[in-house]
Protein backbone atom coordinates (compact mmCIF):
# COMPACT_ATOMS: atom_id res chain seq x y z
CA MET A 1 149.99 59.60 105.38
CA GLU A 2 147.27 60.54 102.94
CA ILE A 3 147.73 63.48 100.58
CA GLN A 4 144.66 64.91 98.90
CA ASP A 5 144.54 67.25 95.94
CA ASP A 6 141.73 69.67 96.74
CA THR A 7 142.41 71.99 93.82
CA ALA A 8 139.06 71.32 92.15
CA ALA A 9 137.09 71.81 95.38
CA LEU A 10 138.73 75.16 96.10
CA ARG A 11 138.43 76.28 92.48
CA ASP A 12 134.69 75.47 92.55
CA LEU A 13 134.25 77.35 95.83
CA PHE A 14 136.00 80.47 94.58
CA ASN A 15 134.20 80.35 91.23
CA ASP A 16 130.89 80.25 93.14
CA ILE A 17 131.92 83.24 95.29
CA ASN A 18 133.38 85.33 92.45
CA PRO A 19 132.71 83.70 89.07
CA GLY A 20 135.58 83.93 86.62
CA THR A 21 138.15 85.29 89.07
CA SER A 22 139.91 82.09 90.13
CA ASP A 23 143.55 82.59 89.31
CA VAL A 24 144.79 79.19 90.50
CA GLU A 25 145.74 76.93 87.61
CA SER A 26 147.06 74.00 89.65
CA VAL A 27 148.53 72.93 92.98
CA HIS A 28 151.49 70.55 93.18
CA GLN A 29 153.10 68.72 96.09
CA ALA A 30 156.46 66.97 96.33
CA GLU A 31 158.83 65.63 98.97
CA LEU A 32 162.43 66.77 98.85
CA ASP A 33 165.60 65.72 100.64
CA PRO A 34 166.68 68.47 103.05
CA GLN A 35 170.07 68.93 101.35
CA HIS A 36 168.32 70.15 98.18
CA VAL A 37 166.35 72.99 99.78
CA LEU A 38 169.01 75.65 99.16
CA ALA A 39 169.23 74.68 95.49
CA LEU A 40 165.45 75.02 95.18
CA MET A 41 165.54 78.42 96.83
CA ALA A 42 168.44 79.56 94.64
CA ASN A 43 166.71 78.63 91.37
CA PRO A 44 162.98 78.11 91.86
CA LYS A 45 162.12 78.56 88.17
CA ALA A 46 164.31 75.58 87.25
CA ALA A 47 162.44 73.49 89.81
CA LEU A 48 159.09 74.58 88.37
CA LYS A 49 160.23 73.72 84.84
CA ALA A 50 161.36 70.28 86.05
CA MET A 51 157.88 69.74 87.48
CA GLY A 52 156.33 70.61 84.10
CA ILE A 53 154.90 73.91 85.32
CA PRO A 54 155.04 76.63 82.66
CA VAL A 55 157.12 79.67 83.63
CA SER A 56 158.54 82.52 81.63
CA ASP A 57 161.28 85.07 82.23
CA ALA A 58 158.56 87.48 83.38
CA SER A 59 157.01 85.00 85.82
CA GLN A 60 157.12 85.99 89.48
CA VAL A 61 158.00 83.12 91.81
CA GLN A 62 157.76 83.68 95.56
CA VAL A 63 159.39 81.19 97.93
CA SER A 64 158.42 80.85 101.60
CA MET A 65 159.93 78.41 104.09
CA LYS A 66 158.03 77.38 107.18
CA ASN A 67 159.10 75.11 110.00
CA ARG A 68 156.50 72.61 111.05
CA ALA A 69 155.05 73.71 114.36
CA SER A 70 157.13 72.34 117.20
CA ARG A 71 156.96 72.71 120.95
CA ALA A 72 160.68 71.99 121.29
CA THR A 73 163.00 74.92 121.98
CA LEU A 74 166.05 73.74 120.05
CA GLU A 75 168.43 76.21 118.47
CA VAL A 76 167.94 76.89 114.75
CA ALA A 77 171.18 75.11 113.77
CA GLN A 78 170.13 72.02 115.72
CA LYS A 79 166.73 72.02 114.05
CA ALA A 80 168.28 72.30 110.58
CA ALA A 81 170.60 69.40 111.34
CA GLN A 82 167.63 67.26 112.38
CA LEU A 83 165.49 67.78 109.27
CA ARG A 84 164.16 64.46 108.09
CA ARG A 85 162.24 65.61 105.05
CA VAL A 86 160.87 68.65 103.32
CA ILE A 87 157.45 69.06 101.74
CA VAL A 88 157.20 71.46 98.81
CA ILE A 89 153.83 72.88 97.79
CA VAL A 90 153.58 74.86 94.55
CA ILE A 91 150.58 77.03 93.72
CA HIS A 92 150.64 77.82 90.00
CA TYR A 93 148.53 80.70 88.73
CA ARG A 94 147.00 81.18 85.29
CA ASN A 95 149.39 84.05 84.52
CA CYS A 96 152.39 81.68 85.05
CA ASP A 97 153.31 83.18 88.44
CA ALA A 98 153.78 80.77 91.33
CA ASP A 99 154.09 80.53 95.08
CA ILE A 100 156.38 77.86 96.52
CA ILE A 101 155.85 76.90 100.15
CA ILE A 102 158.57 74.78 101.74
CA ILE A 103 157.64 72.99 104.96
CA ALA A 104 160.56 71.65 106.99
CA MET A 105 159.80 68.48 108.96
CA SER A 106 162.11 67.60 111.83
């Protein structure tokens, strides 16, 4: 699997469309063991600090969890039990806010 960091390409695109309005400071990606997802969701600012991303008490951190698209019709509990890995994507903004997107891979 190849992972590309397209932060610079998107920043250039948005700066061309609206110069000086790009709020994205950086984009980070990490893999996480499924058993640690709840801890990440319970304390996302600690996770950001561990990744070296600056946050303050006033920083807003939004967490979203998405299941990878699946055609299977398993019950939610069965899907959770079958998680093999989790991909975490962090979008860090210049004002120290962040969005965390968790993608569950079964």
